[in-house]
Amino acid sequence: NNISFVGDTCRRVLPIRLDPRVERPEERE
């Protein structure tokens, strides 16, 4: 939560947000 990247880490990181928008993601189609 609230991770921040500093220095050259910014160019080595691909931040993503995973939100399946369903209550039970294991049952998605």
PDB file of all heavy atoms in Angstrom:
ATOM      1  N   ASN A   1       0.846  -1.188   0.000  1.00  0.00           N
ATOM      2  CA  ASN A   1       0.000   0.000   0.000  1.00  0.00           C
ATOM      3  C   ASN A   1       0.883   1.240   0.000  1.00  0.00           C
ATOM      4  O   ASN A   1       1.855   1.322   0.744  1.00  0.00           O
ATOM      5  CB  ASN A   1      -0.901   0.028   1.246  1.00  0.00           C
ATOM      6  CG  ASN A   1      -1.879  -1.121   1.244  1.00  0.00           C
ATOM      7  OD1 ASN A   1      -2.410  -1.478   0.203  1.00  0.00           O
ATOM      8  ND2 ASN A   1      -2.106  -1.710   2.400  1.00  0.00           N
ATOM      9  N   ASN A   2       0.524   2.210  -0.835  1.00  0.00           N
ATOM     10  CA  ASN A   2       1.244   3.490  -0.916  1.00  0.00           C
ATOM     11  C   ASN A   2       2.746   3.309  -1.127  1.00  0.00           C
ATOM     12  O   ASN A   2       3.564   3.984  -0.502  1.00  0.00           O
ATOM     13  CB  ASN A   2       0.989   4.320   0.345  1.00  0.00           C
ATOM     14  CG  ASN A   2      -0.476   4.628   0.521  1.00  0.00           C
ATOM     15  OD1 ASN A   2      -1.150   4.934  -0.457  1.00  0.00           O
ATOM     16  ND2 ASN A   2      -0.963   4.532   1.734  1.00  0.00           N
ATOM     17  N   ILE A   3       3.106   2.415  -2.032  1.00  0.00           N
ATOM     18  CA  ILE A   3       4.513   2.193  -2.349  1.00  0.00           C
ATOM     19  C   ILE A   3       5.013   3.365  -3.183  1.00  0.00           C
ATOM     20  O   ILE A   3       4.320   3.845  -4.078  1.00  0.00           O
ATOM     21  CB  ILE A   3       4.703   0.879  -3.128  1.00  0.00           C
ATOM     22  CG1 ILE A   3       4.313  -0.309  -2.263  1.00  0.00           C
ATOM     23  CG2 ILE A   3       6.126   0.725  -3.611  1.00  0.00           C
ATOM     24  CD1 ILE A   3       4.360  -1.631  -2.980  1.00  0.00           C
ATOM     25  N   SER A   4       6.215   3.840  -2.905  1.00  0.00           N
ATOM     26  CA  SER A   4       6.816   4.890  -3.729  1.00  0.00           C
ATOM     27  C   SER A   4       8.183   4.407  -4.202  1.00  0.00           C
ATOM     28  O   SER A   4       8.885   3.676  -3.502  1.00  0.00           O
ATOM     29  CB  SER A   4       6.939   6.195  -2.945  1.00  0.00           C
ATOM     30  OG  SER A   4       7.766   6.013  -1.821  1.00  0.00           O
ATOM     31  N   PHE A   5       8.544   4.831  -5.390  1.00  0.00           N
ATOM     32  CA  PHE A   5       9.804   4.438  -5.996  1.00  0.00           C
ATOM     33  C   PHE A   5      10.695   5.664  -6.109  1.00  0.00           C
ATOM     34  O   PHE A   5      10.234   6.742  -6.454  1.00  0.00           O
ATOM     35  CB  PHE A   5       9.567   3.825  -7.379  1.00  0.00           C
ATOM     36  CG  PHE A   5       8.595   2.686  -7.347  1.00  0.00           C
ATOM     37  CD1 PHE A   5       7.295   2.850  -7.783  1.00  0.00           C
ATOM     38  CD2 PHE A   5       8.978   1.453  -6.871  1.00  0.00           C
ATOM     39  CE1 PHE A   5       6.395   1.799  -7.743  1.00  0.00           C
ATOM     40  CE2 PHE A   5       8.085   0.397  -6.832  1.00  0.00           C
ATOM     41  CZ  PHE A   5       6.800   0.573  -7.263  1.00  0.00           C
ATOM     42  N   VAL A   6      11.973   5.502  -5.828  1.00  0.00           N
ATOM     43  CA  VAL A   6      12.909   6.621  -5.874  1.00  0.00           C
ATOM     44  C   VAL A   6      14.126   6.250  -6.705  1.00  0.00           C
ATOM     45  O   VAL A   6      14.394   5.073  -6.951  1.00  0.00           O
ATOM     46  CB  VAL A   6      13.370   7.040  -4.450  1.00  0.00           C
ATOM     47  CG1 VAL A   6      12.200   7.570  -3.654  1.00  0.00           C
ATOM     48  CG2 VAL A   6      14.025   5.887  -3.724  1.00  0.00           C
ATOM     49  N   GLY A   7      14.863   7.272  -7.115  1.00  0.00           N
ATOM     50  CA  GLY A   7      16.080   7.051  -7.880  1.00  0.00           C
ATOM     51  C   GLY A   7      15.812   6.361  -9.201  1.00  0.00           C
ATOM     52  O   GLY A   7      14.794   6.602  -9.846  1.00  0.00           O
ATOM     53  N   ASP A   8      16.726   5.486  -9.607  1.00  0.00           N
ATOM     54  CA  ASP A   8      16.565   4.811 -10.893  1.00  0.00           C
ATOM     55  C   ASP A   8      15.575   3.654 -10.832  1.00  0.00           C
ATOM     56  O   ASP A   8      15.296   3.025 -11.848  1.00  0.00           O
ATOM     57  CB  ASP A   8      17.918   4.341 -11.429  1.00  0.00           C
ATOM     58  CG  ASP A   8      18.496   3.168 -10.667  1.00  0.00           C
ATOM     59  OD1 ASP A   8      18.099   2.966  -9.505  1.00  0.00           O
ATOM     60  OD2 ASP A   8      19.339   2.454 -11.228  1.00  0.00           O
ATOM     61  N   THR A   9      15.015   3.395  -9.651  1.00  0.00           N
ATOM     62  CA  THR A   9      13.996   2.346  -9.535  1.00  0.00           C
ATOM     63  C   THR A   9      12.786   2.670 -10.413  1.00  0.00           C
ATOM     64  O   THR A   9      12.152   1.780 -10.963  1.00  0.00           O
ATOM     65  CB  THR A   9      13.553   2.184  -8.074  1.00  0.00           C
ATOM     66  OG1 THR A   9      14.699   1.952  -7.275  1.00  0.00           O
ATOM     67  CG2 THR A   9      12.592   1.021  -7.917  1.00  0.00           C
ATOM     68  N   CYS A  10      12.485   3.963 -10.573  1.00  0.00           N
ATOM     69  CA  CYS A  10      11.319   4.376 -11.367  1.00  0.00           C
ATOM     70  C   CYS A  10      11.361   3.827 -12.786  1.00  0.00           C
ATOM     71  O   CYS A  10      10.331   3.480 -13.341  1.00  0.00           O
ATOM     72  CB  CYS A  10      11.224   5.895 -11.412  1.00  0.00           C
ATOM     73  SG  CYS A  10      10.933   6.630  -9.805  1.00  0.00           S
ATOM     74  N   ARG A  11      12.553   3.746 -13.356  1.00  0.00           N
ATOM     75  CA  ARG A  11      12.625   3.261 -14.736  1.00  0.00           C
ATOM     76  C   ARG A  11      12.703   1.741 -14.820  1.00  0.00           C
ATOM     77  O   ARG A  11      12.701   1.169 -15.901  1.00  0.00           O
ATOM     78  CB  ARG A  11      13.808   3.903 -15.464  1.00  0.00           C
ATOM     79  CG  ARG A  11      15.154   3.497 -14.962  1.00  0.00           C
ATOM     80  CD  ARG A  11      16.253   4.264 -15.721  1.00  0.00           C
ATOM     81  NE  ARG A  11      17.556   3.897 -15.232  1.00  0.00           N
ATOM     82  CZ  ARG A  11      18.284   2.894 -15.720  1.00  0.00           C
ATOM     83  NH1 ARG A  11      17.823   2.171 -16.712  1.00  0.00           N
ATOM     84  NH2 ARG A  11      19.472   2.623 -15.217  1.00  0.00           N
ATOM     85  N   ARG A  12      12.777   1.075 -13.688  1.00  0.00           N
ATOM     86  CA  ARG A  12      12.884  -0.380 -13.668  1.00  0.00           C
ATOM     87  C   ARG A  12      11.608  -1.063 -13.181  1.00  0.00           C
ATOM     88  O   ARG A  12      11.571  -2.265 -13.017  1.00  0.00           O
ATOM     89  CB  ARG A  12      14.035  -0.798 -12.754  1.00  0.00           C
ATOM     90  CG  ARG A  12      15.377  -0.267 -13.179  1.00  0.00           C
ATOM     91  CD  ARG A  12      16.408  -0.523 -12.112  1.00  0.00           C
ATOM     92  NE  ARG A  12      17.661   0.105 -12.409  1.00  0.00           N
ATOM     93  CZ  ARG A  12      18.701  -0.514 -12.941  1.00  0.00           C
ATOM     94  NH1 ARG A  12      18.631  -1.789 -13.228  1.00  0.00           N
ATOM     95  NH2 ARG A  12      19.820   0.134 -13.181  1.00  0.00           N
ATOM     96  N   VAL A  13      10.568  -0.267 -12.933  1.00  0.00           N
ATOM     97  CA  VAL A  13       9.343  -0.786 -12.327  1.00  0.00           C
ATOM     98  C   VAL A  13       8.166  -0.548 -13.258  1.00  0.00           C
ATOM     99  O   VAL A  13       8.074   0.494 -13.910  1.00  0.00           O
ATOM    100  CB  VAL A  13       9.096  -0.082 -10.969  1.00  0.00           C
ATOM    101  CG1 VAL A  13       7.739  -0.424 -10.410  1.00  0.00           C
ATOM    102  CG2 VAL A  13      10.181  -0.441  -9.988  1.00  0.00           C
ATOM    103  N   LEU A  14       7.279  -1.507 -13.319  1.00  0.00           N
ATOM    104  CA  LEU A  14       6.030  -1.357 -14.058  1.00  0.00           C
ATOM    105  C   LEU A  14       4.898  -1.522 -13.060  1.00  0.00           C
ATOM    106  O   LEU A  14       4.449  -2.635 -12.788  1.00  0.00           O
ATOM    107  CB  LEU A  14       5.928  -2.399 -15.169  1.00  0.00           C
ATOM    108  CG  LEU A  14       4.652  -2.357 -15.996  1.00  0.00           C
ATOM    109  CD1 LEU A  14       4.536  -1.035 -16.724  1.00  0.00           C
ATOM    110  CD2 LEU A  14       4.635  -3.505 -16.969  1.00  0.00           C
ATOM    111  N   PRO A  15       4.431  -0.417 -12.467  1.00  0.00           N
ATOM    112  CA  PRO A  15       3.358  -0.539 -11.483  1.00  0.00           C
ATOM    113  C   PRO A  15       2.022  -0.837 -12.156  1.00  0.00           C
ATOM    114  O   PRO A  15       1.719  -0.300 -13.216  1.00  0.00           O
ATOM    115  CB  PRO A  15       3.328   0.834 -10.803  1.00  0.00           C
ATOM    116  CG  PRO A  15       4.002   1.757 -11.746  1.00  0.00           C
ATOM    117  CD  PRO A  15       4.895   0.946 -12.624  1.00  0.00           C
ATOM    118  N   ILE A  16       1.257  -1.733 -11.561  1.00  0.00           N
ATOM    119  CA  ILE A  16      -0.077  -2.055 -12.076  1.00  0.00           C
ATOM    120  C   ILE A  16      -1.052  -2.122 -10.916  1.00  0.00           C
ATOM    121  O   ILE A  16      -0.673  -2.278  -9.769  1.00  0.00           O
ATOM    122  CB  ILE A  16      -0.099  -3.403 -12.844  1.00  0.00           C
ATOM    123  CG1 ILE A  16       0.286  -4.547 -11.901  1.00  0.00           C
ATOM    124  CG2 ILE A  16       0.817  -3.354 -14.047  1.00  0.00           C
ATOM    125  CD1 ILE A  16       0.059  -5.914 -12.499  1.00  0.00           C
ATOM    126  N   ARG A  17      -2.320  -1.962 -11.223  1.00  0.00           N
ATOM    127  CA  ARG A  17      -3.374  -2.111 -10.228  1.00  0.00           C
ATOM    128  C   ARG A  17      -4.297  -3.217 -10.730  1.00  0.00           C
ATOM    129  O   ARG A  17      -4.861  -3.129 -11.812  1.00  0.00           O
ATOM    130  CB  ARG A  17      -4.148  -0.804 -10.078  1.00  0.00           C
ATOM    131  CG  ARG A  17      -5.421  -0.987  -9.262  1.00  0.00           C
ATOM    132  CD  ARG A  17      -5.994   0.318  -8.871  1.00  0.00           C
ATOM    133  NE  ARG A  17      -5.186   0.744  -7.725  1.00  0.00           N
ATOM    134  CZ  ARG A  17      -5.202   1.962  -7.231  1.00  0.00           C
ATOM    135  NH1 ARG A  17      -5.933   2.883  -7.780  1.00  0.00           N
ATOM    136  NH2 ARG A  17      -4.474   2.262  -6.185  1.00  0.00           N
ATOM    137  N   LEU A  18      -4.405  -4.270  -9.949  1.00  0.00           N
ATOM    138  CA  LEU A  18      -5.274  -5.393 -10.308  1.00  0.00           C
ATOM    139  C   LEU A  18      -6.590  -5.260  -9.554  1.00  0.00           C
ATOM    140  O   LEU A  18      -6.617  -5.346  -8.326  1.00  0.00           O
ATOM    141  CB  LEU A  18      -4.603  -6.725  -9.946  1.00  0.00           C
ATOM    142  CG  LEU A  18      -3.318  -7.057 -10.691  1.00  0.00           C
ATOM    143  CD1 LEU A  18      -2.728  -8.355 -10.158  1.00  0.00           C
ATOM    144  CD2 LEU A  18      -3.569  -7.176 -12.167  1.00  0.00           C
ATOM    145  N   ASP A  19      -7.648  -5.044 -10.290  1.00  0.00           N
ATOM    146  CA  ASP A  19      -8.970  -4.943  -9.687  1.00  0.00           C
ATOM    147  C   ASP A  19      -9.952  -5.705 -10.570  1.00  0.00           C
ATOM    148  O   ASP A  19     -10.361  -5.219 -11.622  1.00  0.00           O
ATOM    149  CB  ASP A  19      -9.403  -3.481  -9.572  1.00  0.00           C
ATOM    150  CG  ASP A  19     -10.751  -3.331  -8.891  1.00  0.00           C
ATOM    151  OD1 ASP A  19     -11.343  -4.356  -8.474  1.00  0.00           O
ATOM    152  OD2 ASP A  19     -11.222  -2.195  -8.774  1.00  0.00           O
ATOM    153  N   PRO A  20     -10.330  -6.923 -10.184  1.00  0.00           N
ATOM    154  CA  PRO A  20     -11.214  -7.728 -11.029  1.00  0.00           C
ATOM    155  C   PRO A  20     -12.646  -7.199 -11.077  1.00  0.00           C
ATOM    156  O   PRO A  20     -13.440  -7.629 -11.898  1.00  0.00           O
ATOM    157  CB  PRO A  20     -11.172  -9.103 -10.374  1.00  0.00           C
ATOM    158  CG  PRO A  20     -10.794  -8.844  -8.965  1.00  0.00           C
ATOM    159  CD  PRO A  20      -9.929  -7.618  -8.975  1.00  0.00           C
ATOM    160  N   ARG A  21     -13.013  -6.269 -10.181  1.00  0.00           N
ATOM    161  CA  ARG A  21     -14.345  -5.656 -10.124  1.00  0.00           C
ATOM    162  C   ARG A  21     -15.461  -6.679  -9.916  1.00  0.00           C
ATOM    163  O   ARG A  21     -16.571  -6.483 -10.391  1.00  0.00           O
ATOM    164  CB  ARG A  21     -14.603  -4.829 -11.376  1.00  0.00           C
ATOM    165  CG  ARG A  21     -13.662  -3.672 -11.536  1.00  0.00           C
ATOM    166  CD  ARG A  21     -14.105  -2.750 -12.659  1.00  0.00           C
ATOM    167  NE  ARG A  21     -13.086  -1.765 -12.895  1.00  0.00           N
ATOM    168  CZ  ARG A  21     -12.457  -1.612 -14.042  1.00  0.00           C
ATOM    169  NH1 ARG A  21     -12.752  -2.363 -15.068  1.00  0.00           N
ATOM    170  NH2 ARG A  21     -11.539  -0.693 -14.163  1.00  0.00           N
ATOM    171  N   VAL A  22     -15.127  -7.756  -9.260  1.00  0.00           N
ATOM    172  CA  VAL A  22     -16.141  -8.742  -8.889  1.00  0.00           C
ATOM    173  C   VAL A  22     -15.842  -9.226  -7.479  1.00  0.00           C
ATOM    174  O   VAL A  22     -14.706  -9.158  -6.998  1.00  0.00           O
ATOM    175  CB  VAL A  22     -16.177  -9.955  -9.853  1.00  0.00           C
ATOM    176  CG1 VAL A  22     -16.639  -9.558 -11.234  1.00  0.00           C
ATOM    177  CG2 VAL A  22     -14.838 -10.647  -9.921  1.00  0.00           C
ATOM    178  N   GLU A  23     -16.874  -9.720  -6.818  1.00  0.00           N
ATOM    179  CA  GLU A  23     -16.706 -10.172  -5.443  1.00  0.00           C
ATOM    180  C   GLU A  23     -15.878 -11.449  -5.357  1.00  0.00           C
ATOM    181  O   GLU A  23     -15.103 -11.639  -4.420  1.00  0.00           O
ATOM    182  CB  GLU A  23     -18.075 -10.387  -4.805  1.00  0.00           C
ATOM    183  CG  GLU A  23     -18.012 -10.692  -3.328  1.00  0.00           C
ATOM    184  CD  GLU A  23     -19.385 -10.756  -2.694  1.00  0.00           C
ATOM    185  OE1 GLU A  23     -20.329 -10.173  -3.241  1.00  0.00           O
ATOM    186  OE2 GLU A  23     -19.491 -11.413  -1.650  1.00  0.00           O
ATOM    187  N   ARG A  24     -16.048 -12.340  -6.318  1.00  0.00           N
ATOM    188  CA  ARG A  24     -15.322 -13.620  -6.312  1.00  0.00           C
ATOM    189  C   ARG A  24     -14.515 -13.748  -7.603  1.00  0.00           C
ATOM    190  O   ARG A  24     -14.979 -14.355  -8.577  1.00  0.00           O
ATOM    191  CB  ARG A  24     -16.309 -14.762  -6.158  1.00  0.00           C
ATOM    192  CG  ARG A  24     -17.093 -14.657  -4.829  1.00  0.00           C
ATOM    193  CD  ARG A  24     -17.920 -15.865  -4.601  1.00  0.00           C
ATOM    194  NE  ARG A  24     -17.080 -17.037  -4.694  1.00  0.00           N
ATOM    195  CZ  ARG A  24     -16.950 -17.947  -3.748  1.00  0.00           C
ATOM    196  NH1 ARG A  24     -17.601 -17.796  -2.618  1.00  0.00           N
ATOM    197  NH2 ARG A  24     -16.189 -18.999  -3.908  1.00  0.00           N
ATOM    198  N   PRO A  25     -13.301 -13.194  -7.616  1.00  0.00           N
ATOM    199  CA  PRO A  25     -12.521 -13.180  -8.860  1.00  0.00           C
ATOM    200  C   PRO A  25     -12.203 -14.563  -9.409  1.00  0.00           C
ATOM    201  O   PRO A  25     -12.004 -14.720 -10.609  1.00  0.00           O
ATOM    202  CB  PRO A  25     -11.239 -12.428  -8.478  1.00  0.00           C
ATOM    203  CG  PRO A  25     -11.238 -12.307  -7.008  1.00  0.00           C
ATOM    204  CD  PRO A  25     -12.631 -12.535  -6.519  1.00  0.00           C
ATOM    205  N   GLU A  26     -12.164 -15.573  -8.547  1.00  0.00           N
ATOM    206  CA  GLU A  26     -11.854 -16.916  -9.037  1.00  0.00           C
ATOM    207  C   GLU A  26     -12.954 -17.492  -9.923  1.00  0.00           C
ATOM    208  O   GLU A  26     -12.751 -18.490 -10.618  1.00  0.00           O
ATOM    209  CB  GLU A  26     -11.569 -17.868  -7.866  1.00  0.00           C
ATOM    210  CG  GLU A  26     -12.753 -18.166  -6.982  1.00  0.00           C
ATOM    211  CD  GLU A  26     -12.997 -17.149  -5.873  1.00  0.00           C
ATOM    212  OE1 GLU A  26     -12.384 -16.069  -5.877  1.00  0.00           O
ATOM    213  OE2 GLU A  26     -13.829 -17.439  -5.008  1.00  0.00           O
ATOM    214  N   GLU A  27     -14.132 -16.866  -9.930  1.00  0.00           N
ATOM    215  CA  GLU A  27     -15.245 -17.355 -10.750  1.00  0.00           C
ATOM    216  C   GLU A  27     -15.445 -16.542 -12.025  1.00  0.00           C
ATOM    217  O   GLU A  27     -16.442 -16.723 -12.730  1.00  0.00           O
ATOM    218  CB  GLU A  27     -16.530 -17.343  -9.915  1.00  0.00           C
ATOM    219  CG  GLU A  27     -16.482 -18.323  -8.760  1.00  0.00           C
ATOM    220  CD  GLU A  27     -17.720 -18.270  -7.881  1.00  0.00           C
ATOM    221  OE1 GLU A  27     -18.602 -17.421  -8.136  1.00  0.00           O
ATOM    222  OE2 GLU A  27     -17.795 -19.075  -6.941  1.00  0.00           O
ATOM    223  N   ARG A  28     -14.507 -15.660 -12.336  1.00  0.00           N
ATOM    224  CA  ARG A  28     -14.629 -14.846 -13.546  1.00  0.00           C
ATOM    225  C   ARG A  28     -14.617 -15.707 -14.796  1.00  0.00           C
ATOM    226  O   ARG A  28     -14.032 -16.780 -14.829  1.00  0.00           O
ATOM    227  CB  ARG A  28     -13.467 -13.859 -13.656  1.00  0.00           C
ATOM    228  CG  ARG A  28     -13.547 -12.725 -12.717  1.00  0.00           C
ATOM    229  CD  ARG A  28     -12.347 -11.828 -12.888  1.00  0.00           C
ATOM    230  NE  ARG A  28     -11.158 -12.574 -12.487  1.00  0.00           N
ATOM    231  CZ  ARG A  28      -9.936 -12.135 -12.592  1.00  0.00           C
ATOM    232  NH1 ARG A  28      -9.701 -10.957 -13.100  1.00  0.00           N
ATOM    233  NH2 ARG A  28      -8.910 -12.858 -12.189  1.00  0.00           N
ATOM    234  N   GLU A  29     -15.255 -15.189 -15.837  1.00  0.00           N
ATOM    235  CA  GLU A  29     -15.180 -15.816 -17.156  1.00  0.00           C
ATOM    236  C   GLU A  29     -14.452 -14.854 -18.073  1.00  0.00           C
ATOM    237  O   GLU A  29     -14.625 -13.645 -17.986  1.00  0.00           O
ATOM    238  CB  GLU A  29     -16.583 -16.120 -17.679  1.00  0.00           C
ATOM    239  CG  GLU A  29     -17.266 -17.207 -16.870  1.00  0.00           C
ATOM    240  CD  GLU A  29     -18.601 -17.607 -17.456  1.00  0.00           C
ATOM    241  OE1 GLU A  29     -18.890 -17.217 -18.608  1.00  0.00           O
ATOM    242  OE2 GLU A  29     -19.345 -18.303 -16.767  1.00  0.00           O
TER     243      GLU A  29
END
